[in-house]
Amino acid sequence: MPRKAKFPPDQLDRIIQMAWEDRTTFDAIREQFGLQPGEVIKLMRANLKPRSFRLWRQRTVGRTTKHLQKRGFVVGRFRCPSQRG
């Protein structure tokens, strides 16, 4: 059974932002926040509008860039150059 994690609003926003980004892997989210891909999906379902969640799921299902092992290349960092902090 997945653990119930409470995140402060700024961390919750960051997790959602990372999940939306095509090039940010679920592995990066797990590394930074300790959430498995299934937990990220549940978090997105609970915090997005139904239509937004469906659009996100359509984009992420089967997308190789969301899974580090399927990418075929090594990624050295989790943040884009324009990200602050």
PDB file of N, CA and C in Angstrom:
ATOM      1  N   MET A   1       0.850  -1.184   0.000  1.00  0.00           N
ATOM      2  CA  MET A   1       0.000   0.000   0.000  1.00  0.00           C
ATOM      3  C   MET A   1       0.892   1.241   0.000  1.00  0.00           C
ATOM      4  N   PRO A   2       0.617   2.199  -0.899  1.00  0.00           N
ATOM      5  CA  PRO A   2       1.460   3.391  -0.954  1.00  0.00           C
ATOM      6  C   PRO A   2       1.332   4.242   0.292  1.00  0.00           C
ATOM      7  N   ARG A   3       2.433   4.859   0.641  1.00  0.00           N
ATOM      8  CA  ARG A   3       2.423   5.713   1.818  1.00  0.00           C
ATOM      9  C   ARG A   3       1.738   7.041   1.483  1.00  0.00           C
ATOM     10  N   LYS A   4       1.116   7.635   2.463  1.00  0.00           N
ATOM     11  CA  LYS A   4       0.462   8.927   2.278  1.00  0.00           C
ATOM     12  C   LYS A   4       1.476  10.012   2.588  1.00  0.00           C
ATOM     13  N   ALA A   5       1.938  10.684   1.573  1.00  0.00           N
ATOM     14  CA  ALA A   5       2.930  11.738   1.756  1.00  0.00           C
ATOM     15  C   ALA A   5       2.244  13.091   1.644  1.00  0.00           C
ATOM     16  N   LYS A   6       2.529  13.948   2.596  1.00  0.00           N
ATOM     17  CA  LYS A   6       2.034  15.320   2.559  1.00  0.00           C
ATOM     18  C   LYS A   6       3.199  16.195   2.143  1.00  0.00           C
ATOM     19  N   PHE A   7       3.003  16.916   1.075  1.00  0.00           N
ATOM     20  CA  PHE A   7       4.045  17.811   0.595  1.00  0.00           C
ATOM     21  C   PHE A   7       3.587  19.245   0.766  1.00  0.00           C
ATOM     22  N   PRO A   8       4.510  20.135   1.119  1.00  0.00           N
ATOM     23  CA  PRO A   8       4.168  21.560   1.155  1.00  0.00           C
ATOM     24  C   PRO A   8       3.793  22.011  -0.262  1.00  0.00           C
ATOM     25  N   PRO A   9       3.011  23.086  -0.373  1.00  0.00           N
ATOM     26  CA  PRO A   9       2.551  23.538  -1.698  1.00  0.00           C
ATOM     27  C   PRO A   9       3.671  23.765  -2.714  1.00  0.00           C
ATOM     28  N   ASP A  10       4.809  24.294  -2.273  1.00  0.00           N
ATOM     29  CA  ASP A  10       5.891  24.541  -3.231  1.00  0.00           C
ATOM     30  C   ASP A  10       6.485  23.239  -3.765  1.00  0.00           C
ATOM     31  N   GLN A  11       6.604  22.214  -2.913  1.00  0.00           N
ATOM     32  CA  GLN A  11       7.107  20.924  -3.374  1.00  0.00           C
ATOM     33  C   GLN A  11       6.078  20.229  -4.266  1.00  0.00           C
ATOM     34  N   LEU A  12       4.816  20.328  -3.899  1.00  0.00           N
ATOM     35  CA  LEU A  12       3.754  19.741  -4.709  1.00  0.00           C
ATOM     36  C   LEU A  12       3.748  20.361  -6.108  1.00  0.00           C
ATOM     37  N   ASP A  13       3.894  21.671  -6.183  1.00  0.00           N
ATOM     38  CA  ASP A  13       3.971  22.356  -7.475  1.00  0.00           C
ATOM     39  C   ASP A  13       5.176  21.875  -8.280  1.00  0.00           C
ATOM     40  N   ARG A  14       6.295  21.688  -7.609  1.00  0.00           N
ATOM     41  CA  ARG A  14       7.509  21.235  -8.301  1.00  0.00           C
ATOM     42  C   ARG A  14       7.339  19.818  -8.833  1.00  0.00           C
ATOM     43  N   ILE A  15       6.725  18.932  -8.048  1.00  0.00           N
ATOM     44  CA  ILE A  15       6.491  17.560  -8.509  1.00  0.00           C
ATOM     45  C   ILE A  15       5.597  17.565  -9.741  1.00  0.00           C
ATOM     46  N   ILE A  16       4.531  18.350  -9.715  1.00  0.00           N
ATOM     47  CA  ILE A  16       3.621  18.439 -10.855  1.00  0.00           C
ATOM     48  C   ILE A  16       4.351  19.001 -12.073  1.00  0.00           C
ATOM     49  N   GLN A  17       5.161  20.020 -11.856  1.00  0.00           N
ATOM     50  CA  GLN A  17       5.929  20.604 -12.954  1.00  0.00           C
ATOM     51  C   GLN A  17       6.881  19.574 -13.556  1.00  0.00           C
ATOM     52  N   MET A  18       7.581  18.830 -12.710  1.00  0.00           N
ATOM     53  CA  MET A  18       8.510  17.810 -13.199  1.00  0.00           C
ATOM     54  C   MET A  18       7.780  16.710 -13.955  1.00  0.00           C
ATOM     55  N   ALA A  19       6.609  16.313 -13.449  1.00  0.00           N
ATOM     56  CA  ALA A  19       5.838  15.269 -14.122  1.00  0.00           C
ATOM     57  C   ALA A  19       5.337  15.744 -15.480  1.00  0.00           C
ATOM     58  N   TRP A  20       4.994  17.012 -15.613  1.00  0.00           N
ATOM     59  CA  TRP A  20       4.521  17.581 -16.879  1.00  0.00           C
ATOM     60  C   TRP A  20       5.631  17.624 -17.910  1.00  0.00           C
ATOM     61  N   GLU A  21       6.860  17.885 -17.475  1.00  0.00           N
ATOM     62  CA  GLU A  21       7.978  18.028 -18.406  1.00  0.00           C
ATOM     63  C   GLU A  21       8.250  16.695 -19.100  1.00  0.00           C
ATOM     64  N   ASP A  22       8.372  16.750 -20.413  1.00  0.00           N
ATOM     65  CA  ASP A  22       8.598  15.527 -21.184  1.00  0.00           C
ATOM     66  C   ASP A  22       9.944  14.884 -20.892  1.00  0.00           C
ATOM     67  N   ARG A  23      10.942  15.677 -20.645  1.00  0.00           N
ATOM     68  CA  ARG A  23      12.291  15.135 -20.485  1.00  0.00           C
ATOM     69  C   ARG A  23      12.665  14.787 -19.046  1.00  0.00           C
ATOM     70  N   THR A  24      11.833  15.121 -18.080  1.00  0.00           N
ATOM     71  CA  THR A  24      12.118  14.768 -16.690  1.00  0.00           C
ATOM     72  C   THR A  24      11.594  13.364 -16.431  1.00  0.00           C
ATOM     73  N   THR A  25      12.469  12.493 -16.005  1.00  0.00           N
ATOM     74  CA  THR A  25      12.092  11.090 -15.811  1.00  0.00           C
ATOM     75  C   THR A  25      11.396  10.872 -14.472  1.00  0.00           C
ATOM     76  N   PHE A  26      10.660   9.767 -14.408  1.00  0.00           N
ATOM     77  CA  PHE A  26      10.081   9.361 -13.138  1.00  0.00           C
ATOM     78  C   PHE A  26      11.186   9.027 -12.141  1.00  0.00           C
ATOM     79  N   ASP A  27      12.325   8.584 -12.653  1.00  0.00           N
ATOM     80  CA  ASP A  27      13.472   8.289 -11.781  1.00  0.00           C
ATOM     81  C   ASP A  27      13.977   9.554 -11.088  1.00  0.00           C
ATOM     82  N   ALA A  28      13.963  10.682 -11.799  1.00  0.00           N
ATOM     83  CA  ALA A  28      14.384  11.952 -11.197  1.00  0.00           C
ATOM     84  C   ALA A  28      13.414  12.361 -10.094  1.00  0.00           C
ATOM     85  N   ILE A  29      12.133  12.144 -10.315  1.00  0.00           N
ATOM     86  CA  ILE A  29      11.126  12.465  -9.291  1.00  0.00           C
ATOM     87  C   ILE A  29      11.306  11.548  -8.086  1.00  0.00           C
ATOM     88  N   ARG A  30      11.587  10.275  -8.343  1.00  0.00           N
ATOM     89  CA  ARG A  30      11.808   9.335  -7.235  1.00  0.00           C
ATOM     90  C   ARG A  30      13.065   9.732  -6.454  1.00  0.00           C
ATOM     91  N   GLU A  31      14.102  10.134  -7.163  1.00  0.00           N
ATOM     92  CA  GLU A  31      15.359  10.530  -6.515  1.00  0.00           C
ATOM     93  C   GLU A  31      15.165  11.750  -5.614  1.00  0.00           C
ATOM     94  N   GLN A  32      14.412  12.735  -6.072  1.00  0.00           N
ATOM     95  CA  GLN A  32      14.265  13.978  -5.318  1.00  0.00           C
ATOM     96  C   GLN A  32      13.175  13.922  -4.260  1.00  0.00           C
ATOM     97  N   PHE A  33      12.082  13.184  -4.540  1.00  0.00           N
ATOM     98  CA  PHE A  33      10.926  13.231  -3.638  1.00  0.00           C
ATOM     99  C   PHE A  33      10.522  11.865  -3.077  1.00  0.00           C
ATOM    100  N   GLY A  34      11.137  10.788  -3.542  1.00  0.00           N
ATOM    101  CA  GLY A  34      10.840   9.466  -3.012  1.00  0.00           C
ATOM    102  C   GLY A  34       9.517   8.883  -3.477  1.00  0.00           C
ATOM    103  N   LEU A  35       8.988   9.349  -4.597  1.00  0.00           N
ATOM    104  CA  LEU A  35       7.712   8.860  -5.119  1.00  0.00           C
ATOM    105  C   LEU A  35       7.926   7.886  -6.268  1.00  0.00           C
ATOM    106  N   GLN A  36       7.271   6.737  -6.191  1.00  0.00           N
ATOM    107  CA  GLN A  36       7.277   5.778  -7.284  1.00  0.00           C
ATOM    108  C   GLN A  36       6.380   6.291  -8.407  1.00  0.00           C
ATOM    109  N   PRO A  37       6.541   5.789  -9.645  1.00  0.00           N
ATOM    110  CA  PRO A  37       5.698   6.257 -10.746  1.00  0.00           C
ATOM    111  C   PRO A  37       4.193   6.149 -10.463  1.00  0.00           C
ATOM    112  N   GLY A  38       3.760   5.084  -9.830  1.00  0.00           N
ATOM    113  CA  GLY A  38       2.342   4.939  -9.487  1.00  0.00           C
ATOM    114  C   GLY A  38       1.864   5.999  -8.506  1.00  0.00           C
ATOM    115  N   GLU A  39       2.747   6.391  -7.593  1.00  0.00           N
ATOM    116  CA  GLU A  39       2.405   7.442  -6.639  1.00  0.00           C
ATOM    117  C   GLU A  39       2.332   8.804  -7.323  1.00  0.00           C
ATOM    118  N   VAL A  40       3.195   9.005  -8.323  1.00  0.00           N
ATOM    119  CA  VAL A  40       3.153  10.254  -9.087  1.00  0.00           C
ATOM    120  C   VAL A  40       1.832  10.340  -9.843  1.00  0.00           C
ATOM    121  N   ILE A  41       1.405   9.235 -10.428  1.00  0.00           N
ATOM    122  CA  ILE A  41       0.134   9.197 -11.155  1.00  0.00           C
ATOM    123  C   ILE A  41      -1.028   9.520 -10.218  1.00  0.00           C
ATOM    124  N   LYS A  42      -1.028   8.937  -9.027  1.00  0.00           N
ATOM    125  CA  LYS A  42      -2.097   9.220  -8.060  1.00  0.00           C
ATOM    126  C   LYS A  42      -2.073  10.680  -7.624  1.00  0.00           C
ATOM    127  N   LEU A  43      -0.871  11.222  -7.422  1.00  0.00           N
ATOM    128  CA  LEU A  43      -0.742  12.621  -7.032  1.00  0.00           C
ATOM    129  C   LEU A  43      -1.273  13.527  -8.150  1.00  0.00           C
ATOM    130  N   MET A  44      -0.939  13.208  -9.382  1.00  0.00           N
ATOM    131  CA  MET A  44      -1.411  14.008 -10.518  1.00  0.00           C
ATOM    132  C   MET A  44      -2.941  13.917 -10.635  1.00  0.00           C
ATOM    133  N   ARG A  45      -3.481  12.735 -10.463  1.00  0.00           N
ATOM    134  CA  ARG A  45      -4.937  12.561 -10.545  1.00  0.00           C
ATOM    135  C   ARG A  45      -5.645  13.393  -9.474  1.00  0.00           C
ATOM    136  N   ALA A  46      -5.062  13.443  -8.286  1.00  0.00           N
ATOM    137  CA  ALA A  46      -5.692  14.159  -7.177  1.00  0.00           C
ATOM    138  C   ALA A  46      -5.560  15.680  -7.291  1.00  0.00           C
ATOM    139  N   ASN A  47      -4.564  16.151  -8.043  1.00  0.00           N
ATOM    140  CA  ASN A  47      -4.282  17.582  -8.053  1.00  0.00           C
ATOM    141  C   ASN A  47      -4.531  18.289  -9.382  1.00  0.00           C
ATOM    142  N   LEU A  48      -4.875  17.541 -10.410  1.00  0.00           N
ATOM    143  CA  LEU A  48      -5.185  18.146 -11.697  1.00  0.00           C
ATOM    144  C   LEU A  48      -6.675  18.040 -11.989  1.00  0.00           C
ATOM    145  N   LYS A  49      -7.143  18.885 -12.875  1.00  0.00           N
ATOM    146  CA  LYS A  49      -8.511  18.759 -13.365  1.00  0.00           C
ATOM    147  C   LYS A  49      -8.594  17.457 -14.159  1.00  0.00           C
ATOM    148  N   PRO A  50      -9.765  16.821 -14.215  1.00  0.00           N
ATOM    149  CA  PRO A  50      -9.877  15.541 -14.928  1.00  0.00           C
ATOM    150  C   PRO A  50      -9.362  15.597 -16.370  1.00  0.00           C
ATOM    151  N   ARG A  51      -9.693  16.635 -17.101  1.00  0.00           N
ATOM    152  CA  ARG A  51      -9.247  16.755 -18.499  1.00  0.00           C
ATOM    153  C   ARG A  51      -7.728  16.909 -18.567  1.00  0.00           C
ATOM    154  N   SER A  52      -7.149  17.695 -17.680  1.00  0.00           N
ATOM    155  CA  SER A  52      -5.699  17.870 -17.655  1.00  0.00           C
ATOM    156  C   SER A  52      -4.995  16.559 -17.329  1.00  0.00           C
ATOM    157  N   PHE A  53      -5.562  15.803 -16.399  1.00  0.00           N
ATOM    158  CA  PHE A  53      -4.975  14.519 -16.044  1.00  0.00           C
ATOM    159  C   PHE A  53      -5.001  13.568 -17.241  1.00  0.00           C
ATOM    160  N   ARG A  54      -6.129  13.504 -17.947  1.00  0.00           N
ATOM    161  CA  ARG A  54      -6.229  12.627 -19.115  1.00  0.00           C
ATOM    162  C   ARG A  54      -5.223  13.024 -20.194  1.00  0.00           C
ATOM    163  N   LEU A  55      -5.059  14.313 -20.433  1.00  0.00           N
ATOM    164  CA  LEU A  55      -4.076  14.771 -21.417  1.00  0.00           C
ATOM    165  C   LEU A  55      -2.656  14.387 -20.996  1.00  0.00           C
ATOM    166  N   TRP A  56      -2.361  14.555 -19.720  1.00  0.00           N
ATOM    167  CA  TRP A  56      -1.034  14.202 -19.212  1.00  0.00           C
ATOM    168  C   TRP A  56      -0.777  12.708 -19.375  1.00  0.00           C
ATOM    169  N   ARG A  57      -1.759  11.895 -19.023  1.00  0.00           N
ATOM    170  CA  ARG A  57      -1.595  10.442 -19.138  1.00  0.00           C
ATOM    171  C   ARG A  57      -1.395  10.023 -20.594  1.00  0.00           C
ATOM    172  N   GLN A  58      -2.119  10.628 -21.508  1.00  0.00           N
ATOM    173  CA  GLN A  58      -1.945  10.307 -22.923  1.00  0.00           C
ATOM    174  C   GLN A  58      -0.518  10.614 -23.372  1.00  0.00           C
ATOM    175  N   ARG A  59       0.046  11.691 -22.848  1.00  0.00           N
ATOM    176  CA  ARG A  59       1.409  12.064 -23.224  1.00  0.00           C
ATOM    177  C   ARG A  59       2.451  11.162 -22.590  1.00  0.00           C
ATOM    178  N   THR A  60       2.211  10.663 -21.388  1.00  0.00           N
ATOM    179  CA  THR A  60       3.251   9.912 -20.679  1.00  0.00           C
ATOM    180  C   THR A  60       3.204   8.411 -20.919  1.00  0.00           C
ATOM    181  N   VAL A  61       2.071   7.863 -21.290  1.00  0.00           N
ATOM    182  CA  VAL A  61       1.970   6.413 -21.486  1.00  0.00           C
ATOM    183  C   VAL A  61       2.883   6.000 -22.636  1.00  0.00           C
ATOM    184  N   GLY A  62       3.822   5.134 -22.342  1.00  0.00           N
ATOM    185  CA  GLY A  62       4.725   4.617 -23.353  1.00  0.00           C
ATOM    186  C   GLY A  62       5.825   5.570 -23.795  1.00  0.00           C
ATOM    187  N   ARG A  63       5.927   6.733 -23.190  1.00  0.00           N
ATOM    188  CA  ARG A  63       6.946   7.710 -23.572  1.00  0.00           C
ATOM    189  C   ARG A  63       8.293   7.272 -23.004  1.00  0.00           C
ATOM    190  N   THR A  64       9.248   7.068 -23.888  1.00  0.00           N
ATOM    191  CA  THR A  64      10.553   6.589 -23.435  1.00  0.00           C
ATOM    192  C   THR A  64      11.305   7.634 -22.631  1.00  0.00           C
ATOM    193  N   THR A  65      11.056   8.908 -22.862  1.00  0.00           N
ATOM    194  CA  THR A  65      11.802   9.931 -22.136  1.00  0.00           C
ATOM    195  C   THR A  65      11.417  10.013 -20.665  1.00  0.00           C
ATOM    196  N   LYS A  66      10.287   9.440 -20.275  1.00  0.00           N
ATOM    197  CA  LYS A  66       9.879   9.478 -18.873  1.00  0.00           C
ATOM    198  C   LYS A  66      10.508   8.346 -18.063  1.00  0.00           C
ATOM    199  N   HIS A  67      11.218   7.433 -18.727  1.00  0.00           N
ATOM    200  CA  HIS A  67      11.836   6.299 -18.053  1.00  0.00           C
ATOM    201  C   HIS A  67      13.318   6.273 -18.410  1.00  0.00           C
ATOM    202  N   LEU A  68      14.159   6.467 -17.428  1.00  0.00           N
ATOM    203  CA  LEU A  68      15.598   6.593 -17.637  1.00  0.00           C
ATOM    204  C   LEU A  68      16.185   5.386 -18.360  1.00  0.00           C
ATOM    205  N   GLN A  69      15.762   4.177 -18.025  1.00  0.00           N
ATOM    206  CA  GLN A  69      16.342   2.984 -18.630  1.00  0.00           C
ATOM    207  C   GLN A  69      15.985   2.861 -20.115  1.00  0.00           C
ATOM    208  N   LYS A  70      14.879   3.443 -20.532  1.00  0.00           N
ATOM    209  CA  LYS A  70      14.460   3.350 -21.932  1.00  0.00           C
ATOM    210  C   LYS A  70      15.075   4.431 -22.806  1.00  0.00           C
ATOM    211  N   ARG A  71      15.722   5.405 -22.212  1.00  0.00           N
ATOM    212  CA  ARG A  71      16.222   6.557 -22.961  1.00  0.00           C
ATOM    213  C   ARG A  71      17.358   6.226 -23.916  1.00  0.00           C
ATOM    214  N   GLY A  72      18.273   5.379 -23.502  1.00  0.00           N
ATOM    215  CA  GLY A  72      19.403   5.060 -24.349  1.00  0.00           C
ATOM    216  C   GLY A  72      20.568   6.032 -24.225  1.00  0.00           C
ATOM    217  N   PHE A  73      20.483   6.990 -23.332  1.00  0.00           N
ATOM    218  CA  PHE A  73      21.588   7.900 -23.075  1.00  0.00           C
ATOM    219  C   PHE A  73      21.556   8.308 -21.616  1.00  0.00           C
ATOM    220  N   VAL A  74      22.678   8.791 -21.127  1.00  0.00           N
ATOM    221  CA  VAL A  74      22.815   9.147 -19.718  1.00  0.00           C
ATOM    222  C   VAL A  74      22.461  10.619 -19.526  1.00  0.00           C
ATOM    223  N   VAL A  75      21.760  10.893 -18.459  1.00  0.00           N
ATOM    224  CA  VAL A  75      21.396  12.260 -18.119  1.00  0.00           C
ATOM    225  C   VAL A  75      22.177  12.640 -16.879  1.00  0.00           C
ATOM    226  N   GLY A  76      22.831  13.791 -16.929  1.00  0.00           N
ATOM    227  CA  GLY A  76      23.687  14.177 -15.819  1.00  0.00           C
ATOM    228  C   GLY A  76      23.039  15.083 -14.807  1.00  0.00           C
ATOM    229  N   ARG A  77      21.916  15.727 -15.162  1.00  0.00           N
ATOM    230  CA  ARG A  77      21.291  16.643 -14.217  1.00  0.00           C
ATOM    231  C   ARG A  77      19.781  16.582 -14.363  1.00  0.00           C
ATOM    232  N   PHE A  78      19.077  17.039 -13.331  1.00  0.00           N
ATOM    233  CA  PHE A  78      17.624  16.969 -13.304  1.00  0.00           C
ATOM    234  C   PHE A  78      16.960  18.289 -13.639  1.00  0.00           C
ATOM    235  N   ARG A  79      17.718  19.373 -13.690  1.00  0.00           N
ATOM    236  CA  ARG A  79      17.115  20.696 -13.843  1.00  0.00           C
ATOM    237  C   ARG A  79      17.433  21.287 -15.205  1.00  0.00           C
ATOM    238  N   CYS A  80      16.465  21.995 -15.733  1.00  0.00           N
ATOM    239  CA  CYS A  80      16.709  22.702 -16.978  1.00  0.00           C
ATOM    240  C   CYS A  80      17.463  23.993 -16.676  1.00  0.00           C
ATOM    241  N   PRO A  81      18.153  24.563 -17.665  1.00  0.00           N
ATOM    242  CA  PRO A  81      18.970  25.753 -17.416  1.00  0.00           C
ATOM    243  C   PRO A  81      18.157  26.956 -16.917  1.00  0.00           C
ATOM    244  N   SER A  82      16.884  27.033 -17.289  1.00  0.00           N
ATOM    245  CA  SER A  82      16.084  28.185 -16.887  1.00  0.00           C
ATOM    246  C   SER A  82      15.448  28.039 -15.509  1.00  0.00           C
ATOM    247  N   GLN A  83      15.590  26.863 -14.892  1.00  0.00           N
ATOM    248  CA  GLN A  83      14.984  26.638 -13.582  1.00  0.00           C
ATOM    249  C   GLN A  83      15.783  27.335 -12.493  1.00  0.00           C
ATOM    250  N   ARG A  84      15.058  28.008 -11.616  1.00  0.00           N
ATOM    251  CA  ARG A  84      15.712  28.686 -10.491  1.00  0.00           C
ATOM    252  C   ARG A  84      15.862  27.714  -9.328  1.00  0.00           C
ATOM    253  N   GLY A  85      16.847  27.950  -8.504  1.00  0.00           N
ATOM    254  CA  GLY A  85      16.996  27.192  -7.271  1.00  0.00           C
ATOM    255  C   GLY A  85      17.780  26.002  -7.353  1.00  0.00           C
TER     256      GLY A  85
END
